[in-house]
C-alpha atoms as a PDB file:
ATOM      1  CA  MET A   1     147.508-100.960  20.970  1.00  0.00           C
ATOM      2  CA  SER A   2     147.171 -99.057  24.189  1.00  0.00           C
ATOM      3  CA  GLY A   3     145.422-100.523  27.251  1.00  0.00           C
ATOM      4  CA  LEU A   4     142.664 -97.968  26.797  1.00  0.00           C
ATOM      5  CA  HIS A   5     141.958 -99.144  23.245  1.00  0.00           C
ATOM      6  CA  ARG A   6     142.062-102.831  24.254  1.00  0.00           C
ATOM      7  CA  GLY A   7     139.570-102.089  27.051  1.00  0.00           C
ATOM      8  CA  ALA A   8     137.318-100.311  24.584  1.00  0.00           C
ATOM      9  CA  HIS A   9     137.394-103.350  22.278  1.00  0.00           C
ATOM     10  CA  ARG A  10     136.389-105.628  25.166  1.00  0.00           C
ATOM     11  CA  ILE A  11     133.576-103.332  26.275  1.00  0.00           C
ATOM     12  CA  ALA A  12     132.107-102.860  22.798  1.00  0.00           C
ATOM     13  CA  PRO A  13     130.766-106.460  22.327  1.00  0.00           C
ATOM     14  CA  ILE A  14     129.312-106.403  25.823  1.00  0.00           C
ATOM     15  CA  ALA A  15     127.593-103.112  25.094  1.00  0.00           C
ATOM     16  CA  VAL A  16     126.206-104.487  21.831  1.00  0.00           C
ATOM     17  CA  LEU A  17     124.960-107.623  23.602  1.00  0.00           C
ATOM     18  CA  CYS A  18     123.295-105.554  26.320  1.00  0.00           C
ATOM     19  CA  GLY A  19     121.726-103.334  23.693  1.00  0.00           C
ATOM     20  CA  LEU A  20     120.316-106.310  21.811  1.00  0.00           C
ATOM     21  CA  THR A  21     118.948-107.795  25.053  1.00  0.00           C
ATOM     22  CA  ILE A  22     117.212-104.541  25.965  1.00  0.00           C
ATOM     23  CA  ALA A  23     115.884-104.161  22.438  1.00  0.00           C
ATOM     24  CA  ALA A  24     114.524-107.707  22.460  1.00  0.00           C
ATOM     25  CA  ALA A  25     112.854-107.128  25.799  1.00  0.00           C
ATOM     26  CA  GLY A  26     111.414-103.866  24.559  1.00  0.00           C
ATOM     27  CA  CYS A  27     110.050-105.531  21.424  1.00  0.00           C
ATOM     28  CA  ALA A  28     108.376-108.390  23.289  1.00  0.00           C
ATOM     29  CA  ARG A  29     104.609-108.068  22.885  1.00  0.00           C
ATOM     30  CA  LYS A  30     101.616-109.657  24.568  1.00  0.00           C
ATOM     31  CA  SER A  31      98.738-110.376  22.255  1.00  0.00           C
ATOM     32  CA  VAL A  32      95.208-110.089  23.635  1.00  0.00           C
ATOM     33  CA  THR A  33      92.172-111.084  21.600  1.00  0.00           C
ATOM     34  CA  ARG A  34      88.635-110.506  22.815  1.00  0.00           C
ATOM     35  CA  ILE A  35      86.296-113.460  22.369  1.00  0.00           C
ATOM     36  CA  GLU A  36      82.643-114.098  23.128  1.00  0.00           C
ATOM     37  CA  PRO A  37      82.067-114.803  26.851  1.00  0.00           C
ATOM     38  CA  THR A  38      80.046-117.882  25.874  1.00  0.00           C
ATOM     39  CA  ALA A  39      82.803-119.283  23.623  1.00  0.00           C
ATOM     40  CA  VAL A  40      84.043-122.733  24.629  1.00  0.00           C
ATOM     41  CA  THR A  41      87.673-122.401  25.759  1.00  0.00           C
ATOM     42  CA  ASP A  42      89.786-125.109  27.369  1.00  0.00           C
ATOM     43  CA  LEU A  43      93.472-124.246  27.702  1.00  0.00           C
ATOM     44  CA  SER A  44      94.570-126.178  30.787  1.00  0.00           C
ATOM     45  CA  GLY A  45      91.933-128.875  30.900  1.00  0.00           C
ATOM     46  CA  ARG A  46      90.910-127.745  34.365  1.00  0.00           C
ATOM     47  CA  TRP A  47      87.413-126.742  35.470  1.00  0.00           C
ATOM     48  CA  ASN A  48      86.511-123.451  33.802  1.00  0.00           C
ATOM     49  CA  ASP A  49      83.627-121.068  33.100  1.00  0.00           C
ATOM     50  CA  THR A  50      82.326-123.237  30.270  1.00  0.00           C
ATOM     51  CA  ASP A  51      82.109-126.264  32.569  1.00  0.00           C
ATOM     52  CA  SER A  52      80.363-124.192  35.226  1.00  0.00           C
ATOM     53  CA  ARG A  53      77.720-122.884  32.841  1.00  0.00           C
ATOM     54  CA  LEU A  54      77.079-126.167  31.009  1.00  0.00           C
ATOM     55  CA  VAL A  55      76.887-128.268  34.178  1.00  0.00           C
ATOM     56  CA  ALA A  56      74.546-125.783  35.874  1.00  0.00           C
ATOM     57  CA  ASN A  57      72.195-125.767  32.883  1.00  0.00           C
ATOM     58  CA  ALA A  58      72.273-129.564  32.636  1.00  0.00           C
ATOM     59  CA  LEU A  59      71.521-130.080  36.340  1.00  0.00           C
ATOM     60  CA  ILE A  60      68.631-127.612  36.434  1.00  0.00           C
ATOM     61  CA  GLU A  61      67.145-129.052  33.239  1.00  0.00           C
ATOM     62  CA  GLN A  62      67.509-132.526  34.733  1.00  0.00           C
ATOM     63  CA  SER A  63      65.890-131.376  37.980  1.00  0.00           C
ATOM     64  CA  LEU A  64      62.911-129.735  36.315  1.00  0.00           C
ATOM     65  CA  SER A  65      62.280-132.794  34.157  1.00  0.00           C
ATOM     66  CA  SER A  66      61.414-134.573  37.424  1.00  0.00           C
ATOM     67  CA  PRO A  67      57.748-134.225  38.544  1.00  0.00           C
ATOM     68  CA  TRP A  68      58.368-132.461  41.896  1.00  0.00           C
ATOM     69  CA  ALA A  69      57.725-128.920  40.607  1.00  0.00           C
ATOM     70  CA  GLU A  70      54.572-129.919  38.750  1.00  0.00           C
ATOM     71  CA  ARG A  71      53.282-131.833  41.770  1.00  0.00           C
ATOM     72  CA  TYR A  72      53.812-128.837  44.042  1.00  0.00           C
ATOM     73  CA  SER A  73      52.093-126.519  41.587  1.00  0.00           C
ATOM     74  CA  SER A  74      49.113-128.866  41.231  1.00  0.00           C
ATOM     75  CA  ALA A  75      48.731-129.106  45.016  1.00  0.00           C
ATOM     76  CA  HIS A  76      48.928-125.324  45.512  1.00  0.00           C
ATOM     77  CA  GLY A  77      46.551-123.910  42.944  1.00  0.00           C
ATOM     78  CA  GLY A  78      49.113-123.475  40.170  1.00  0.00           C
ATOM     79  CA  GLU A  79      51.619-121.648  42.382  1.00  0.00           C
ATOM     80  CA  ALA A  80      55.252-122.255  41.461  1.00  0.00           C
ATOM     81  CA  PRO A  81      57.490-123.772  44.184  1.00  0.00           C
ATOM     82  CA  THR A  82      60.007-121.535  45.923  1.00  0.00           C
ATOM     83  CA  VAL A  83      63.643-122.642  45.834  1.00  0.00           C
ATOM     84  CA  ILE A  84      66.900-121.503  47.409  1.00  0.00           C
ATOM     85  CA  VAL A  85      70.339-122.608  46.224  1.00  0.00           C
ATOM     86  CA  GLY A  86      72.409-123.648  49.226  1.00  0.00           C
ATOM     87  CA  SER A  87      76.060-124.642  49.425  1.00  0.00           C
ATOM     88  CA  PHE A  88      77.985-126.715  46.901  1.00  0.00           C
ATOM     89  CA  ARG A  89      81.125-128.213  48.423  1.00  0.00           C
ATOM     90  CA  ASN A  90      84.299-128.456  46.386  1.00  0.00           C
ATOM     91  CA  ARG A  91      85.769-131.866  47.171  1.00  0.00           C
ATOM     92  CA  SER A  92      87.998-131.904  44.105  1.00  0.00           C
ATOM     93  CA  ALA A  93      91.783-131.618  44.106  1.00  0.00           C
ATOM     94  CA  GLU A  94      91.776-128.206  42.428  1.00  0.00           C
ATOM     95  CA  HIS A  95      90.513-124.702  43.085  1.00  0.00           C
ATOM     96  CA  ILE A  96      86.993-124.211  41.752  1.00  0.00           C
ATOM     97  CA  ALA A  97      85.080-120.939  41.879  1.00  0.00           C
ATOM     98  CA  VAL A  98      82.041-122.440  43.614  1.00  0.00           C
ATOM     99  CA  GLU A  99      80.274-119.071  43.950  1.00  0.00           C
ATOM    100  CA  THR A 100      80.336-118.678  40.171  1.00  0.00           C
ATOM    101  CA  PHE A 101      78.823-122.142  39.811  1.00  0.00           C
ATOM    102  CA  VAL A 102      76.084-121.300  42.337  1.00  0.00           C
ATOM    103  CA  ASN A 103      75.328-118.119  40.382  1.00  0.00           C
ATOM    104  CA  ASP A 104      75.034-120.173  37.182  1.00  0.00           C
ATOM    105  CA  LEU A 105      72.603-122.528  38.934  1.00  0.00           C
ATOM    106  CA  GLU A 106      70.496-119.587  40.096  1.00  0.00           C
ATOM    107  CA  ARG A 107      70.414-118.092  36.597  1.00  0.00           C
ATOM    108  CA  ALA A 108      69.314-121.433  35.153  1.00  0.00           C
ATOM    109  CA  PHE A 109      66.518-121.735  37.748  1.00  0.00           C
ATOM    110  CA  ILE A 110      65.288-118.192  37.098  1.00  0.00           C
ATOM    111  CA  GLY A 111      65.543-118.606  33.337  1.00  0.00           C
ATOM    112  CA  SER A 112      63.367-121.724  33.461  1.00  0.00           C
ATOM    113  CA  GLY A 113      60.372-119.767  34.786  1.00  0.00           C
ATOM    114  CA  ALA A 114      59.269-122.928  36.615  1.00  0.00           C
ATOM    115  CA  VAL A 115      60.241-121.837  40.149  1.00  0.00           C
ATOM    116  CA  ARG A 116      60.557-118.766  42.325  1.00  0.00           C
ATOM    117  CA  LEU A 117      64.081-118.257  43.631  1.00  0.00           C
ATOM    118  CA  VAL A 118      64.688-116.546  46.992  1.00  0.00           C
ATOM    119  CA  ALA A 119      67.844-114.724  48.041  1.00  0.00           C
ATOM    120  CA  SER A 120      70.665-116.497  49.858  1.00  0.00           C
ATOM    121  CA  GLY A 121      71.366-116.025  53.555  1.00  0.00           C
ATOM    122  CA  GLY A 122      73.996-113.334  53.032  1.00  0.00           C
ATOM    123  CA  GLU A 123      71.813-111.439  50.598  1.00  0.00           C
ATOM    124  CA  ARG A 124      68.824-111.618  52.931  1.00  0.00           C
ATOM    125  CA  ALA A 125      70.797-110.010  55.764  1.00  0.00           C
ATOM    126  CA  GLU A 126      71.641-107.025  53.555  1.00  0.00           C
ATOM    127  CA  ILE A 127      68.058-106.714  52.325  1.00  0.00           C
ATOM    128  CA  ARG A 128      66.721-106.858  55.894  1.00  0.00           C
ATOM    129  CA  ASP A 129      69.041-104.032  56.890  1.00  0.00           C
ATOM    130  CA  GLU A 130      67.628-101.953  54.047  1.00  0.00           C
ATOM    131  CA  ARG A 131      64.053-102.820  55.035  1.00  0.00           C
ATOM    132  CA  ASP A 132      64.698-101.865  58.668  1.00  0.00           C
ATOM    133  CA  ASP A 133      66.267 -98.593  57.557  1.00  0.00           C
ATOM    134  CA  GLN A 134      63.189 -97.797  55.469  1.00  0.00           C
ATOM    135  CA  GLN A 135      60.944 -98.050  58.525  1.00  0.00           C
ATOM    136  CA  GLU A 136      62.626 -94.948  59.989  1.00  0.00           C
ATOM    137  CA  ASN A 137      63.764 -93.021  56.960  1.00  0.00           C
ATOM    138  CA  ALA A 138      61.518 -93.778  54.005  1.00  0.00           C
ATOM    139  CA  ARG A 139      58.195 -92.164  53.246  1.00  0.00           C
ATOM    140  CA  ALA A 140      55.335 -94.239  54.703  1.00  0.00           C
ATOM    141  CA  ASP A 141      53.758 -95.044  51.347  1.00  0.00           C
ATOM    142  CA  THR A 142      57.077 -96.353  49.960  1.00  0.00           C
ATOM    143  CA  ARG A 143      58.256 -98.483  52.904  1.00  0.00           C
ATOM    144  CA  ALA A 144      58.706-102.216  52.333  1.00  0.00           C
ATOM    145  CA  ARG A 145      56.497-104.076  54.784  1.00  0.00           C
ATOM    146  CA  LEU A 146      58.017-106.232  57.500  1.00  0.00           C
ATOM    147  CA  ALA A 147      57.502-110.000  57.838  1.00  0.00           C
ATOM    148  CA  GLN A 148      56.515-110.441  54.197  1.00  0.00           C
ATOM    149  CA  GLU A 149      59.405-112.643  53.110  1.00  0.00           C
ATOM    150  CA  LEU A 150      58.693-115.707  51.013  1.00  0.00           C
ATOM    151  CA  GLY A 151      59.983-118.871  52.664  1.00  0.00           C
ATOM    152  CA  ALA A 152      61.747-121.452  50.522  1.00  0.00           C
ATOM    153  CA  ASN A 153      59.996-124.771  50.022  1.00  0.00           C
ATOM    154  CA  TYR A 154      63.107-126.523  48.729  1.00  0.00           C
ATOM    155  CA  MET A 155      66.885-126.137  48.980  1.00  0.00           C
ATOM    156  CA  LEU A 156      69.348-127.278  46.311  1.00  0.00           C
ATOM    157  CA  LEU A 157      72.610-128.671  47.724  1.00  0.00           C
ATOM    158  CA  GLY A 158      75.537-130.536  46.231  1.00  0.00           C
ATOM    159  CA  GLU A 159      79.229-131.192  45.793  1.00  0.00           C
ATOM    160  CA  ILE A 160      81.920-131.358  43.120  1.00  0.00           C
ATOM    161  CA  GLN A 161      84.427-134.208  43.059  1.00  0.00           C
ATOM    162  CA  SER A 162      87.290-135.006  40.710  1.00  0.00           C
ATOM    163  CA  ILE A 163      89.684-137.851  39.919  1.00  0.00           C
ATOM    164  CA  GLU A 164      92.854-137.360  37.877  1.00  0.00           C
ATOM    165  CA  ASP A 165      94.806-140.151  36.210  1.00  0.00           C
ATOM    166  CA  THR A 166      98.219-139.088  34.874  1.00  0.00           C
ATOM    167  CA  GLU A 167     100.926-140.956  32.989  1.00  0.00           C
ATOM    168  CA  GLY A 168     103.834-139.151  31.374  1.00  0.00           C
ATOM    169  CA  GLY A 169     102.485-136.125  29.566  1.00  0.00           C
ATOM    170  CA  GLU A 170      98.941-137.474  29.339  1.00  0.00           C
ATOM    171  CA  SER A 171      96.119-136.954  31.834  1.00  0.00           C
ATOM    172  CA  VAL A 172      92.471-137.811  32.177  1.00  0.00           C
ATOM    173  CA  VAL A 173      90.436-135.665  34.566  1.00  0.00           C
ATOM    174  CA  PHE A 174      87.015-136.869  35.653  1.00  0.00           C
ATOM    175  CA  TYR A 175      84.521-134.542  37.350  1.00  0.00           C
ATOM    176  CA  GLN A 176      81.380-135.727  39.108  1.00  0.00           C
ATOM    177  CA  ILE A 177      78.851-133.119  40.204  1.00  0.00           C
ATOM    178  CA  ASP A 178      76.082-134.353  42.507  1.00  0.00           C
ATOM    179  CA  ALA A 179      73.021-132.284  43.413  1.00  0.00           C
ATOM    180  CA  THR A 180      70.019-132.933  45.608  1.00  0.00           C
ATOM    181  CA  LEU A 181      66.828-131.007  46.291  1.00  0.00           C
ATOM    182  CA  VAL A 182      65.556-131.162  49.866  1.00  0.00           C
ATOM    183  CA  ASP A 183      62.166-130.239  51.316  1.00  0.00           C
ATOM    184  CA  VAL A 184      62.983-127.502  53.846  1.00  0.00           C
ATOM    185  CA  GLU A 185      60.121-128.453  56.160  1.00  0.00           C
ATOM    186  CA  SER A 186      60.525-132.230  56.240  1.00  0.00           C
ATOM    187  CA  ASN A 187      64.183-132.750  55.204  1.00  0.00           C
ATOM    188  CA  VAL A 188      62.961-135.221  52.592  1.00  0.00           C
ATOM    189  CA  ARG A 189      65.121-135.486  49.490  1.00  0.00           C
ATOM    190  CA  ILE A 190      62.708-135.052  46.615  1.00  0.00           C
ATOM    191  CA  TRP A 191      65.227-135.172  43.782  1.00  0.00           C
ATOM    192  CA  ALA A 192      68.849-136.236  43.259  1.00  0.00           C
ATOM    193  CA  GLY A 193      70.847-135.681  40.092  1.00  0.00           C
ATOM    194  CA  GLN A 194      74.347-136.080  38.739  1.00  0.00           C
ATOM    195  CA  HIS A 195      76.406-134.741  35.858  1.00  0.00           C
ATOM    196  CA  GLU A 196      79.819-135.989  34.740  1.00  0.00           C
ATOM    197  CA  ILE A 197      82.652-134.523  32.701  1.00  0.00           C
ATOM    198  CA  LYS A 198      85.713-136.387  31.437  1.00  0.00           C
ATOM    199  CA  LYS A 199      88.646-134.592  29.825  1.00  0.00           C
ATOM    200  CA  TYR A 200      91.724-135.964  28.071  1.00  0.00           C
ATOM    201  CA  ILE A 201      94.773-133.685  28.289  1.00  0.00           C
ATOM    202  CA  ASP A 202      97.907-134.261  26.164  1.00  0.00           C
ATOM    203  CA  ARG A 203     100.969-132.347  27.366  1.00  0.00           C
ATOM    204  CA  ARG A 204     103.540-134.356  25.473  1.00  0.00           C
ATOM    205  CA  ARG A 205     106.043-132.310  23.481  1.00  0.00           C
ATOM    206  CA  LEU A 206     105.906-132.759  19.740  1.00  0.00           C
ATOM    207  CA  ARG A 207     109.094-134.256  18.319  1.00  0.00           C
ATOM    208  CA  LEU A 208     110.239-132.536  15.143  1.00  0.00           C
END
């Protein structure tokens, strides 16, 4: 057999192998399934959107079961108290989308109908810019009036902490979420609440 033919025989298996590799790569597919946004999903065991929503609802329900809102309303002719959600510090060992959690808290407050919720500091700055712009550029009968903002009576503050205990392929993650409601005028804490989550995660490989 000539050297040319021997070379062709050596190249052929390599070409077949390369072809199979390319074909396999080309056939690889990623499956995506749409699910309900409110569905409970827990793939990694870490803090997720379900935790954020459930904890926010639990804390606001817990807060409003305390008599502070009713007392304020009784002392002010039935007027609902005005609340602002302040900062929630992430003191856990993992990344947590705190802004999403704050948004969930705000939605729970608004959905309760028991309080009036005012915009955050960043939002207020943008709204004030719009109001100032209206004074020069909007028709007089449509301008938003100045100095008519509603001041918050209470601010909700809090933090998220976590502890993880790991051994082999097993882990237990404990989350503690603390919240407190503070009187903006007096700095008096009028309510303090807490919600806890504990998750068991098994990453051990199954032995067949």
